[in-house]
Amino acid sequence: MMDNKTFIIAGIVVALLIGVVAVFMASGDPDGLESTALVVQGQKELTGSTPEDAEIEEDLTGKFSYSSPMPDYSLGDSLGSIGGLIAIIVGTFLAFVVVFGIAYGLKARKTSKINQ
């Protein structure tokens, strides 16, 4: 039987392998969320004609704006592919830290309720 430490290490290794391999298989085209943001910003047009009975608001004063700390899984053009791999590793570890932090908080809350 595998103990918790081995299970966690194996999970991290598998997640990093999937993340690293996914970089080379990913499409350069925007995904659905990124495409929607481009449409909202007015940088991309939807295909097809607008229905005649559609209600269109022309006031776009509150345009969507977001700047990612590691856009497109990279750390800038100076590092190239290595920057992408570093971004994936950092992102994977941050995700694990968040998940384990939440799990630890829930476990601590549960044990404090039991001890009361």
PDB file of N, CA and C in Angstrom:
ATOM      1  N   MET A   1       0.846  -1.190   0.000  1.00  0.00           N
ATOM      2  CA  MET A   1       0.000   0.000   0.000  1.00  0.00           C
ATOM      3  C   MET A   1       0.888   1.249   0.000  1.00  0.00           C
ATOM      4  N   MET A   2       0.474   2.243  -0.734  1.00  0.00           N
ATOM      5  CA  MET A   2       1.245   3.469  -0.872  1.00  0.00           C
ATOM      6  C   MET A   2       0.894   4.435   0.269  1.00  0.00           C
ATOM      7  N   ASP A   3       1.928   4.991   0.914  1.00  0.00           N
ATOM      8  CA  ASP A   3       1.646   5.960   1.976  1.00  0.00           C
ATOM      9  C   ASP A   3       1.337   7.329   1.382  1.00  0.00           C
ATOM     10  N   ASN A   4       0.888   8.250   2.227  1.00  0.00           N
ATOM     11  CA  ASN A   4       0.441   9.570   1.750  1.00  0.00           C
ATOM     12  C   ASN A   4       1.557  10.358   1.074  1.00  0.00           C
ATOM     13  N   LYS A   5       2.758  10.317   1.635  1.00  0.00           N
ATOM     14  CA  LYS A   5       3.867  11.096   1.076  1.00  0.00           C
ATOM     15  C   LYS A   5       4.198  10.615  -0.344  1.00  0.00           C
ATOM     16  N   THR A   6       4.260   9.303  -0.535  1.00  0.00           N
ATOM     17  CA  THR A   6       4.542   8.753  -1.860  1.00  0.00           C
ATOM     18  C   THR A   6       3.437   9.096  -2.838  1.00  0.00           C
ATOM     19  N   PHE A   7       2.198   9.049  -2.372  1.00  0.00           N
ATOM     20  CA  PHE A   7       1.050   9.368  -3.219  1.00  0.00           C
ATOM     21  C   PHE A   7       1.098  10.827  -3.668  1.00  0.00           C
ATOM     22  N   ILE A   8       1.428  11.723  -2.765  1.00  0.00           N
ATOM     23  CA  ILE A   8       1.503  13.152  -3.093  1.00  0.00           C
ATOM     24  C   ILE A   8       2.637  13.417  -4.076  1.00  0.00           C
ATOM     25  N   ILE A   9       3.799  12.816  -3.838  1.00  0.00           N
ATOM     26  CA  ILE A   9       4.934  13.002  -4.736  1.00  0.00           C
ATOM     27  C   ILE A   9       4.606  12.459  -6.125  1.00  0.00           C
ATOM     28  N   ALA A  10       3.971  11.286  -6.174  1.00  0.00           N
ATOM     29  CA  ALA A  10       3.585  10.711  -7.469  1.00  0.00           C
ATOM     30  C   ALA A  10       2.585  11.614  -8.182  1.00  0.00           C
ATOM     31  N   GLY A  11       1.645  12.199  -7.445  1.00  0.00           N
ATOM     32  CA  GLY A  11       0.671  13.121  -8.028  1.00  0.00           C
ATOM     33  C   GLY A  11       1.336  14.356  -8.615  1.00  0.00           C
ATOM     34  N   ILE A  12       2.304  14.900  -7.897  1.00  0.00           N
ATOM     35  CA  ILE A  12       3.022  16.081  -8.390  1.00  0.00           C
ATOM     36  C   ILE A  12       3.806  15.737  -9.656  1.00  0.00           C
ATOM     37  N   VAL A  13       4.472  14.585  -9.656  1.00  0.00           N
ATOM     38  CA  VAL A  13       5.248  14.171 -10.826  1.00  0.00           C
ATOM     39  C   VAL A  13       4.337  13.978 -12.039  1.00  0.00           C
ATOM     40  N   VAL A  14       3.203  13.305 -11.842  1.00  0.00           N
ATOM     41  CA  VAL A  14       2.261  13.091 -12.954  1.00  0.00           C
ATOM     42  C   VAL A  14       1.722  14.421 -13.469  1.00  0.00           C
ATOM     43  N   ALA A  15       1.361  15.327 -12.564  1.00  0.00           N
ATOM     44  CA  ALA A  15       0.840  16.631 -12.975  1.00  0.00           C
ATOM     45  C   ALA A  15       1.879  17.422 -13.766  1.00  0.00           C
ATOM     46  N   LEU A  16       3.134  17.375 -13.328  1.00  0.00           N
ATOM     47  CA  LEU A  16       4.191  18.080 -14.059  1.00  0.00           C
ATOM     48  C   LEU A  16       4.432  17.456 -15.431  1.00  0.00           C
ATOM     49  N   LEU A  17       4.407  16.135 -15.513  1.00  0.00           N
ATOM     50  CA  LEU A  17       4.591  15.480 -16.809  1.00  0.00           C
ATOM     51  C   LEU A  17       3.471  15.854 -17.777  1.00  0.00           C
ATOM     52  N   ILE A  18       2.239  15.833 -17.291  1.00  0.00           N
ATOM     53  CA  ILE A  18       1.109  16.219 -18.142  1.00  0.00           C
ATOM     54  C   ILE A  18       1.241  17.678 -18.570  1.00  0.00           C
ATOM     55  N   GLY A  19       1.614  18.540 -17.636  1.00  0.00           N
ATOM     56  CA  GLY A  19       1.765  19.959 -17.953  1.00  0.00           C
ATOM     57  C   GLY A  19       2.844  20.227 -18.969  1.00  0.00           C
ATOM     58  N   VAL A  20       3.973  19.547 -18.840  1.00  0.00           N
ATOM     59  CA  VAL A  20       5.084  19.757 -19.770  1.00  0.00           C
ATOM     60  C   VAL A  20       4.734  19.224 -21.160  1.00  0.00           C
ATOM     61  N   VAL A  21       4.120  18.055 -21.223  1.00  0.00           N
ATOM     62  CA  VAL A  21       3.740  17.482 -22.513  1.00  0.00           C
ATOM     63  C   VAL A  21       2.646  18.320 -23.176  1.00  0.00           C
ATOM     64  N   ALA A  22       1.726  18.851 -22.384  1.00  0.00           N
ATOM     65  CA  ALA A  22       0.610  19.630 -22.931  1.00  0.00           C
ATOM     66  C   ALA A  22       1.085  20.885 -23.649  1.00  0.00           C
ATOM     67  N   VAL A  23       2.210  21.451 -23.221  1.00  0.00           N
ATOM     68  CA  VAL A  23       2.730  22.663 -23.872  1.00  0.00           C
ATOM     69  C   VAL A  23       3.020  22.405 -25.343  1.00  0.00           C
ATOM     70  N   PHE A  24       3.571  21.263 -25.636  1.00  0.00           N
ATOM     71  CA  PHE A  24       3.967  20.975 -27.001  1.00  0.00           C
ATOM     72  C   PHE A  24       2.792  20.500 -27.855  1.00  0.00           C
ATOM     73  N   MET A  25       1.686  20.149 -27.222  1.00  0.00           N
ATOM     74  CA  MET A  25       0.508  19.693 -27.952  1.00  0.00           C
ATOM     75  C   MET A  25      -0.567  20.775 -28.036  1.00  0.00           C
ATOM     76  N   ALA A  26      -0.382  21.887 -27.344  1.00  0.00           N
ATOM     77  CA  ALA A  26      -1.400  22.930 -27.281  1.00  0.00           C
ATOM     78  C   ALA A  26      -1.486  23.709 -28.594  1.00  0.00           C
ATOM     79  N   SER A  27      -2.676  24.193 -28.873  1.00  0.00           N
ATOM     80  CA  SER A  27      -2.900  25.000 -30.064  1.00  0.00           C
ATOM     81  C   SER A  27      -2.555  26.454 -29.771  1.00  0.00           C
ATOM     82  N   GLY A  28      -2.106  27.157 -30.768  1.00  0.00           N
ATOM     83  CA  GLY A  28      -1.812  28.574 -30.609  1.00  0.00           C
ATOM     84  C   GLY A  28      -3.047  29.447 -30.729  1.00  0.00           C
ATOM     85  N   ASP A  29      -4.164  28.855 -31.152  1.00  0.00           N
ATOM     86  CA  ASP A  29      -5.411  29.600 -31.283  1.00  0.00           C
ATOM     87  C   ASP A  29      -6.008  29.863 -29.905  1.00  0.00           C
ATOM     88  N   PRO A  30      -6.747  30.969 -29.749  1.00  0.00           N
ATOM     89  CA  PRO A  30      -7.358  31.250 -28.453  1.00  0.00           C
ATOM     90  C   PRO A  30      -8.444  30.230 -28.113  1.00  0.00           C
ATOM     91  N   ASP A  31      -8.529  29.899 -26.806  1.00  0.00           N
ATOM     92  CA  ASP A  31      -9.594  29.005 -26.368  1.00  0.00           C
ATOM     93  C   ASP A  31     -10.899  29.794 -26.251  1.00  0.00           C
ATOM     94  N   GLY A  32     -11.944  29.154 -25.774  1.00  0.00           N
ATOM     95  CA  GLY A  32     -13.262  29.795 -25.714  1.00  0.00           C
ATOM     96  C   GLY A  32     -13.285  31.041 -24.838  1.00  0.00           C
ATOM     97  N   LEU A  33     -12.669  30.979 -23.653  1.00  0.00           N
ATOM     98  CA  LEU A  33     -12.662  32.124 -22.743  1.00  0.00           C
ATOM     99  C   LEU A  33     -11.847  33.277 -23.316  1.00  0.00           C
ATOM    100  N   GLU A  34     -10.682  32.956 -23.840  1.00  0.00           N
ATOM    101  CA  GLU A  34      -9.831  33.996 -24.429  1.00  0.00           C
ATOM    102  C   GLU A  34     -10.492  34.610 -25.666  1.00  0.00           C
ATOM    103  N   SER A  35     -11.161  33.786 -26.465  1.00  0.00           N
ATOM    104  CA  SER A  35     -11.864  34.268 -27.648  1.00  0.00           C
ATOM    105  C   SER A  35     -13.006  35.198 -27.269  1.00  0.00           C
ATOM    106  N   THR A  36     -13.736  34.834 -26.206  1.00  0.00           N
ATOM    107  CA  THR A  36     -14.820  35.688 -25.728  1.00  0.00           C
ATOM    108  C   THR A  36     -14.288  37.033 -25.244  1.00  0.00           C
ATOM    109  N   ALA A  37     -13.166  37.012 -24.532  1.00  0.00           N
ATOM    110  CA  ALA A  37     -12.560  38.268 -24.068  1.00  0.00           C
ATOM    111  C   ALA A  37     -12.156  39.144 -25.251  1.00  0.00           C
ATOM    112  N   LEU A  38     -11.643  38.536 -26.323  1.00  0.00           N
ATOM    113  CA  LEU A  38     -11.268  39.310 -27.512  1.00  0.00           C
ATOM    114  C   LEU A  38     -12.496  39.926 -28.179  1.00  0.00           C
ATOM    115  N   VAL A  39     -13.610  39.200 -28.189  1.00  0.00           N
ATOM    116  CA  VAL A  39     -14.848  39.737 -28.767  1.00  0.00           C
ATOM    117  C   VAL A  39     -15.336  40.910 -27.927  1.00  0.00           C
ATOM    118  N   VAL A  40     -15.310  40.754 -26.597  1.00  0.00           N
ATOM    119  CA  VAL A  40     -15.772  41.830 -25.706  1.00  0.00           C
ATOM    120  C   VAL A  40     -14.912  43.071 -25.866  1.00  0.00           C
ATOM    121  N   GLN A  41     -13.620  42.884 -26.064  1.00  0.00           N
ATOM    122  CA  GLN A  41     -12.706  44.016 -26.229  1.00  0.00           C
ATOM    123  C   GLN A  41     -12.805  44.653 -27.607  1.00  0.00           C
ATOM    124  N   GLY A  42     -13.515  44.003 -28.518  1.00  0.00           N
ATOM    125  CA  GLY A  42     -13.639  44.545 -29.864  1.00  0.00           C
ATOM    126  C   GLY A  42     -12.473  44.207 -30.769  1.00  0.00           C
ATOM    127  N   GLN A  43     -11.610  43.278 -30.342  1.00  0.00           N
ATOM    128  CA  GLN A  43     -10.449  42.894 -31.144  1.00  0.00           C
ATOM    129  C   GLN A  43     -10.759  41.732 -32.081  1.00  0.00           C
ATOM    130  N   LYS A  44     -11.944  41.143 -31.939  1.00  0.00           N
ATOM    131  CA  LYS A  44     -12.326  40.007 -32.769  1.00  0.00           C
ATOM    132  C   LYS A  44     -13.803  40.120 -33.083  1.00  0.00           C
ATOM    133  N   GLU A  45     -14.165  39.759 -34.291  1.00  0.00           N
ATOM    134  CA  GLU A  45     -15.568  39.773 -34.710  1.00  0.00           C
ATOM    135  C   GLU A  45     -16.097  38.345 -34.735  1.00  0.00           C
ATOM    136  N   LEU A  46     -17.339  38.198 -34.364  1.00  0.00           N
ATOM    137  CA  LEU A  46     -17.989  36.903 -34.492  1.00  0.00           C
ATOM    138  C   LEU A  46     -18.368  36.685 -35.941  1.00  0.00           C
ATOM    139  N   THR A  47     -18.347  35.453 -36.379  1.00  0.00           N
ATOM    140  CA  THR A  47     -18.732  35.172 -37.754  1.00  0.00           C
ATOM    141  C   THR A  47     -20.246  35.072 -37.852  1.00  0.00           C
ATOM    142  N   GLY A  48     -20.756  35.281 -39.016  1.00  0.00           N
ATOM    143  CA  GLY A  48     -22.201  35.213 -39.229  1.00  0.00           C
ATOM    144  C   GLY A  48     -22.849  36.577 -39.078  1.00  0.00           C
ATOM    145  N   SER A  49     -24.030  36.695 -39.614  1.00  0.00           N
ATOM    146  CA  SER A  49     -24.728  37.977 -39.544  1.00  0.00           C
ATOM    147  C   SER A  49     -25.546  38.073 -38.258  1.00  0.00           C
ATOM    148  N   THR A  50     -25.751  39.283 -37.801  1.00  0.00           N
ATOM    149  CA  THR A  50     -26.539  39.529 -36.603  1.00  0.00           C
ATOM    150  C   THR A  50     -28.021  39.449 -36.944  1.00  0.00           C
ATOM    151  N   PRO A  51     -28.795  38.710 -36.137  1.00  0.00           N
ATOM    152  CA  PRO A  51     -30.238  38.649 -36.408  1.00  0.00           C
ATOM    153  C   PRO A  51     -30.872  40.034 -36.334  1.00  0.00           C
ATOM    154  N   GLU A  52     -31.907  40.251 -37.144  1.00  0.00           N
ATOM    155  CA  GLU A  52     -32.538  41.567 -37.200  1.00  0.00           C
ATOM    156  C   GLU A  52     -33.203  41.953 -35.880  1.00  0.00           C
ATOM    157  N   ASP A  53     -33.693  40.990 -35.132  1.00  0.00           N
ATOM    158  CA  ASP A  53     -34.387  41.308 -33.886  1.00  0.00           C
ATOM    159  C   ASP A  53     -33.455  41.324 -32.668  1.00  0.00           C
ATOM    160  N   ALA A  54     -32.136  41.275 -32.887  1.00  0.00           N
ATOM    161  CA  ALA A  54     -31.189  41.284 -31.770  1.00  0.00           C
ATOM    162  C   ALA A  54     -31.099  42.673 -31.158  1.00  0.00           C
ATOM    163  N   GLU A  55     -31.026  42.706 -29.820  1.00  0.00           N
ATOM    164  CA  GLU A  55     -30.850  43.980 -29.111  1.00  0.00           C
ATOM    165  C   GLU A  55     -29.360  44.185 -28.871  1.00  0.00           C
ATOM    166  N   ILE A  56     -28.815  45.231 -29.456  1.00  0.00           N
ATOM    167  CA  ILE A  56     -27.383  45.487 -29.371  1.00  0.00           C
ATOM    168  C   ILE A  56     -27.151  46.779 -28.609  1.00  0.00           C
ATOM    169  N   GLU A  57     -26.278  46.706 -27.598  1.00  0.00           N
ATOM    170  CA  GLU A  57     -25.890  47.899 -26.852  1.00  0.00           C
ATOM    171  C   GLU A  57     -24.546  48.369 -27.394  1.00  0.00           C
ATOM    172  N   GLU A  58     -24.476  49.611 -27.759  1.00  0.00           N
ATOM    173  CA  GLU A  58     -23.268  50.156 -28.355  1.00  0.00           C
ATOM    174  C   GLU A  58     -22.324  50.772 -27.337  1.00  0.00           C
ATOM    175  N   ASP A  59     -22.783  50.980 -26.089  1.00  0.00           N
ATOM    176  CA  ASP A  59     -21.957  51.614 -25.062  1.00  0.00           C
ATOM    177  C   ASP A  59     -20.987  50.588 -24.481  1.00  0.00           C
ATOM    178  N   LEU A  60     -19.713  50.697 -24.825  1.00  0.00           N
ATOM    179  CA  LEU A  60     -18.708  49.770 -24.332  1.00  0.00           C
ATOM    180  C   LEU A  60     -17.709  50.477 -23.418  1.00  0.00           C
ATOM    181  N   THR A  61     -18.194  51.349 -22.525  1.00  0.00           N
ATOM    182  CA  THR A  61     -17.296  52.106 -21.661  1.00  0.00           C
ATOM    183  C   THR A  61     -16.578  51.219 -20.662  1.00  0.00           C
ATOM    184  N   GLY A  62     -17.163  50.130 -20.213  1.00  0.00           N
ATOM    185  CA  GLY A  62     -16.534  49.250 -19.239  1.00  0.00           C
ATOM    186  C   GLY A  62     -15.893  48.055 -19.900  1.00  0.00           C
ATOM    187  N   LYS A  63     -14.957  48.289 -20.811  1.00  0.00           N
ATOM    188  CA  LYS A  63     -14.321  47.193 -21.534  1.00  0.00           C
ATOM    189  C   LYS A  63     -13.537  46.295 -20.580  1.00  0.00           C
ATOM    190  N   PHE A  64     -13.512  45.013 -20.902  1.00  0.00           N
ATOM    191  CA  PHE A  64     -12.814  44.005 -20.115  1.00  0.00           C
ATOM    192  C   PHE A  64     -11.308  44.184 -20.275  1.00  0.00           C
ATOM    193  N   SER A  65     -10.581  44.098 -19.173  1.00  0.00           N
ATOM    194  CA  SER A  65      -9.131  44.204 -19.230  1.00  0.00           C
ATOM    195  C   SER A  65      -8.525  43.267 -18.194  1.00  0.00           C
ATOM    196  N   TYR A  66      -7.517  42.499 -18.589  1.00  0.00           N
ATOM    197  CA  TYR A  66      -6.863  41.567 -17.681  1.00  0.00           C
ATOM    198  C   TYR A  66      -5.432  41.355 -18.157  1.00  0.00           C
ATOM    199  N   SER A  67      -4.513  41.320 -17.220  1.00  0.00           N
ATOM    200  CA  SER A  67      -3.122  41.063 -17.544  1.00  0.00           C
ATOM    201  C   SER A  67      -2.651  39.881 -16.707  1.00  0.00           C
ATOM    202  N   SER A  68      -2.302  38.802 -17.362  1.00  0.00           N
ATOM    203  CA  SER A  68      -1.873  37.586 -16.681  1.00  0.00           C
ATOM    204  C   SER A  68      -0.424  37.715 -16.231  1.00  0.00           C
ATOM    205  N   PRO A  69      -0.079  37.151 -15.069  1.00  0.00           N
ATOM    206  CA  PRO A  69       1.324  37.202 -14.647  1.00  0.00           C
ATOM    207  C   PRO A  69       2.223  36.337 -15.532  1.00  0.00           C
ATOM    208  N   MET A  70       1.666  35.284 -16.141  1.00  0.00           N
ATOM    209  CA  MET A  70       2.427  34.435 -17.049  1.00  0.00           C
ATOM    210  C   MET A  70       1.583  34.192 -18.301  1.00  0.00           C
ATOM    211  N   PRO A  71       1.442  35.221 -19.174  1.00  0.00           N
ATOM    212  CA  PRO A  71       0.578  35.066 -20.342  1.00  0.00           C
ATOM    213  C   PRO A  71       1.058  33.971 -21.283  1.00  0.00           C
ATOM    214  N   ASP A  72       0.128  33.178 -21.774  1.00  0.00           N
ATOM    215  CA  ASP A  72       0.419  32.086 -22.703  1.00  0.00           C
ATOM    216  C   ASP A  72       1.503  31.146 -22.180  1.00  0.00           C
ATOM    217  N   TYR A  73       1.501  30.912 -20.868  1.00  0.00           N
ATOM    218  CA  TYR A  73       2.448  29.999 -20.222  1.00  0.00           C
ATOM    219  C   TYR A  73       3.891  30.359 -20.548  1.00  0.00           C
ATOM    220  N   SER A  74       4.232  31.636 -20.416  1.00  0.00           N
ATOM    221  CA  SER A  74       5.607  32.044 -20.690  1.00  0.00           C
ATOM    222  C   SER A  74       6.016  33.126 -19.696  1.00  0.00           C
ATOM    223  N   LEU A  75       7.301  33.348 -19.615  1.00  0.00           N
ATOM    224  CA  LEU A  75       7.838  34.403 -18.746  1.00  0.00           C
ATOM    225  C   LEU A  75       8.471  35.509 -19.570  1.00  0.00           C
ATOM    226  N   GLY A  76       8.088  35.609 -20.808  1.00  0.00           N
ATOM    227  CA  GLY A  76       8.647  36.624 -21.692  1.00  0.00           C
ATOM    228  C   GLY A  76       9.404  35.978 -22.831  1.00  0.00           C
ATOM    229  N   ASP A  77       9.728  36.771 -23.812  1.00  0.00           N
ATOM    230  CA  ASP A  77      10.414  36.257 -24.999  1.00  0.00           C
ATOM    231  C   ASP A  77      11.874  35.914 -24.745  1.00  0.00           C
ATOM    232  N   SER A  78      12.464  36.481 -23.686  1.00  0.00           N
ATOM    233  CA  SER A  78      13.890  36.275 -23.464  1.00  0.00           C
ATOM    234  C   SER A  78      14.225  34.840 -23.069  1.00  0.00           C
ATOM    235  N   LEU A  79      13.296  34.129 -22.404  1.00  0.00           N
ATOM    236  CA  LEU A  79      13.576  32.764 -21.956  1.00  0.00           C
ATOM    237  C   LEU A  79      13.099  31.699 -22.938  1.00  0.00           C
ATOM    238  N   GLY A  80      12.212  32.041 -23.842  1.00  0.00           N
ATOM    239  CA  GLY A  80      11.715  31.102 -24.842  1.00  0.00           C
ATOM    240  C   GLY A  80      10.987  29.917 -24.235  1.00  0.00           C
ATOM    241  N   SER A  81      11.306  28.713 -24.704  1.00  0.00           N
ATOM    242  CA  SER A  81      10.644  27.486 -24.249  1.00  0.00           C
ATOM    243  C   SER A  81      10.923  27.195 -22.782  1.00  0.00           C
ATOM    244  N   ILE A  82      12.100  27.546 -22.325  1.00  0.00           N
ATOM    245  CA  ILE A  82      12.447  27.322 -20.917  1.00  0.00           C
ATOM    246  C   ILE A  82      11.522  28.143 -20.021  1.00  0.00           C
ATOM    247  N   GLY A  83      11.186  29.335 -20.435  1.00  0.00           N
ATOM    248  CA  GLY A  83      10.261  30.166 -19.667  1.00  0.00           C
ATOM    249  C   GLY A  83       8.892  29.524 -19.569  1.00  0.00           C
ATOM    250  N   GLY A  84       8.455  28.881 -20.653  1.00  0.00           N
ATOM    251  CA  GLY A  84       7.177  28.175 -20.629  1.00  0.00           C
ATOM    252  C   GLY A  84       7.197  27.018 -19.653  1.00  0.00           C
ATOM    253  N   LEU A  85       8.283  26.272 -19.654  1.00  0.00           N
ATOM    254  CA  LEU A  85       8.398  25.146 -18.721  1.00  0.00           C
ATOM    255  C   LEU A  85       8.449  25.627 -17.275  1.00  0.00           C
ATOM    256  N   ILE A  86       9.172  26.720 -17.020  1.00  0.00           N
ATOM    257  CA  ILE A  86       9.222  27.276 -15.664  1.00  0.00           C
ATOM    258  C   ILE A  86       7.837  27.746 -15.235  1.00  0.00           C
ATOM    259  N   ALA A  87       7.112  28.384 -16.133  1.00  0.00           N
ATOM    260  CA  ALA A  87       5.764  28.852 -15.814  1.00  0.00           C
ATOM    261  C   ALA A  87       4.843  27.682 -15.472  1.00  0.00           C
ATOM    262  N   ILE A  88       4.970  26.576 -16.192  1.00  0.00           N
ATOM    263  CA  ILE A  88       4.145  25.402 -15.907  1.00  0.00           C
ATOM    264  C   ILE A  88       4.494  24.807 -14.551  1.00  0.00           C
ATOM    265  N   ILE A  89       5.776  24.703 -14.256  1.00  0.00           N
ATOM    266  CA  ILE A  89       6.196  24.132 -12.979  1.00  0.00           C
ATOM    267  C   ILE A  89       5.724  25.014 -11.830  1.00  0.00           C
ATOM    268  N   VAL A  90       5.907  26.316 -11.954  1.00  0.00           N
ATOM    269  CA  VAL A  90       5.458  27.240 -10.903  1.00  0.00           C
ATOM    270  C   VAL A  90       3.939  27.171 -10.745  1.00  0.00           C
ATOM    271  N   GLY A  91       3.216  27.160 -11.856  1.00  0.00           N
ATOM    272  CA  GLY A  91       1.760  27.088 -11.790  1.00  0.00           C
ATOM    273  C   GLY A  91       1.266  25.803 -11.159  1.00  0.00           C
ATOM    274  N   THR A  92       1.917  24.683 -11.484  1.00  0.00           N
ATOM    275  CA  THR A  92       1.531  23.397 -10.905  1.00  0.00           C
ATOM    276  C   THR A  92       1.762  23.397  -9.402  1.00  0.00           C
ATOM    277  N   PHE A  93       2.917  23.870  -8.967  1.00  0.00           N
ATOM    278  CA  PHE A  93       3.188  23.916  -7.530  1.00  0.00           C
ATOM    279  C   PHE A  93       2.241  24.876  -6.811  1.00  0.00           C
ATOM    280  N   LEU A  94       1.928  26.004  -7.435  1.00  0.00           N
ATOM    281  CA  LEU A  94       0.973  26.927  -6.807  1.00  0.00           C
ATOM    282  C   LEU A  94      -0.404  26.288  -6.664  1.00  0.00           C
ATOM    283  N   ALA A  95      -0.824  25.532  -7.684  1.00  0.00           N
ATOM    284  CA  ALA A  95      -2.110  24.841  -7.601  1.00  0.00           C
ATOM    285  C   ALA A  95      -2.100  23.824  -6.462  1.00  0.00           C
ATOM    286  N   PHE A  96      -1.012  23.072  -6.325  1.00  0.00           N
ATOM    287  CA  PHE A  96      -0.922  22.115  -5.227  1.00  0.00           C
ATOM    288  C   PHE A  96      -0.915  22.817  -3.869  1.00  0.00           C
ATOM    289  N   VAL A  97      -0.214  23.938  -3.757  1.00  0.00           N
ATOM    290  CA  VAL A  97      -0.185  24.676  -2.493  1.00  0.00           C
ATOM    291  C   VAL A  97      -1.592  25.146  -2.120  1.00  0.00           C
ATOM    292  N   VAL A  98      -2.335  25.648  -3.093  1.00  0.00           N
ATOM    293  CA  VAL A  98      -3.708  26.108  -2.822  1.00  0.00           C
ATOM    294  C   VAL A  98      -4.586  24.940  -2.391  1.00  0.00           C
ATOM    295  N   VAL A  99      -4.508  23.830  -3.110  1.00  0.00           N
ATOM    296  CA  VAL A  99      -5.342  22.662  -2.776  1.00  0.00           C
ATOM    297  C   VAL A  99      -4.977  22.112  -1.402  1.00  0.00           C
ATOM    298  N   PHE A 100      -3.690  21.959  -1.125  1.00  0.00           N
ATOM    299  CA  PHE A 100      -3.290  21.441   0.175  1.00  0.00           C
ATOM    300  C   PHE A 100      -3.597  22.428   1.293  1.00  0.00           C
ATOM    301  N   GLY A 101      -3.507  23.719   1.015  1.00  0.00           N
ATOM    302  CA  GLY A 101      -3.885  24.718   2.019  1.00  0.00           C
ATOM    303  C   GLY A 101      -5.359  24.631   2.380  1.00  0.00           C
ATOM    304  N   ILE A 102      -6.200  24.484   1.364  1.00  0.00           N
ATOM    305  CA  ILE A 102      -7.632  24.338   1.616  1.00  0.00           C
ATOM    306  C   ILE A 102      -7.906  23.045   2.379  1.00  0.00           C
ATOM    307  N   ALA A 103      -7.265  21.948   1.959  1.00  0.00           N
ATOM    308  CA  ALA A 103      -7.456  20.654   2.634  1.00  0.00           C
ATOM    309  C   ALA A 103      -6.997  20.726   4.086  1.00  0.00           C
ATOM    310  N   TYR A 104      -5.864  21.356   4.330  1.00  0.00           N
ATOM    311  CA  TYR A 104      -5.362  21.493   5.694  1.00  0.00           C
ATOM    312  C   TYR A 104      -6.317  22.330   6.549  1.00  0.00           C
ATOM    313  N   GLY A 105      -6.826  23.429   5.972  1.00  0.00           N
ATOM    314  CA  GLY A 105      -7.774  24.274   6.705  1.00  0.00           C
ATOM    315  C   GLY A 105      -9.054  23.531   7.040  1.00  0.00           C
ATOM    316  N   LEU A 106      -9.561  22.750   6.086  1.00  0.00           N
ATOM    317  CA  LEU A 106     -10.776  21.973   6.348  1.00  0.00           C
ATOM    318  C   LEU A 106     -10.527  20.893   7.389  1.00  0.00           C
ATOM    319  N   LYS A 107      -9.370  20.251   7.339  1.00  0.00           N
ATOM    320  CA  LYS A 107      -9.041  19.222   8.327  1.00  0.00           C
ATOM    321  C   LYS A 107      -8.891  19.837   9.716  1.00  0.00           C
ATOM    322  N   ALA A 108      -8.232  20.989   9.788  1.00  0.00           N
ATOM    323  CA  ALA A 108      -8.059  21.664  11.080  1.00  0.00           C
ATOM    324  C   ALA A 108      -9.411  22.097  11.646  1.00  0.00           C
ATOM    325  N   ARG A 109     -10.294  22.563  10.793  1.00  0.00           N
ATOM    326  CA  ARG A 109     -11.625  22.973  11.246  1.00  0.00           C
ATOM    327  C   ARG A 109     -12.424  21.775  11.745  1.00  0.00           C
ATOM    328  N   LYS A 110     -12.303  20.663  11.047  1.00  0.00           N
ATOM    329  CA  LYS A 110     -13.023  19.453  11.445  1.00  0.00           C
ATOM    330  C   LYS A 110     -12.510  18.937  12.792  1.00  0.00           C
ATOM    331  N   THR A 111     -11.181  18.912  12.994  1.00  0.00           N
ATOM    332  CA  THR A 111     -10.637  18.418  14.249  1.00  0.00           C
ATOM    333  C   THR A 111     -10.938  19.364  15.398  1.00  0.00           C
ATOM    334  N   SER A 112     -11.016  20.665  15.115  1.00  0.00           N
ATOM    335  CA  SER A 112     -11.348  21.599  16.199  1.00  0.00           C
ATOM    336  C   SER A 112     -12.803  21.446  16.619  1.00  0.00           C
ATOM    337  N   LYS A 113     -13.690  21.119  15.689  1.00  0.00           N
ATOM    338  CA  LYS A 113     -15.089  20.873  16.033  1.00  0.00           C
ATOM    339  C   LYS A 113     -15.236  19.590  16.834  1.00  0.00           C
ATOM    340  N   ILE A 114     -14.431  18.578  16.510  1.00  0.00           N
ATOM    341  CA  ILE A 114     -14.482  17.316  17.236  1.00  0.00           C
ATOM    342  C   ILE A 114     -13.960  17.484  18.663  1.00  0.00           C
ATOM    343  N   ASN A 115     -12.925  18.295  18.833  1.00  0.00           N
ATOM    344  CA  ASN A 115     -12.313  18.502  20.149  1.00  0.00           C
ATOM    345  C   ASN A 115     -13.125  19.412  21.054  1.00  0.00           C
ATOM    346  N   GLN A 116     -14.118  20.077  20.535  1.00  0.00           N
ATOM    347  CA  GLN A 116     -14.887  21.018  21.365  1.00  0.00           C
ATOM    348  C   GLN A 116     -15.822  20.319  22.258  1.00  0.00           C
TER     349      GLN A 116
END
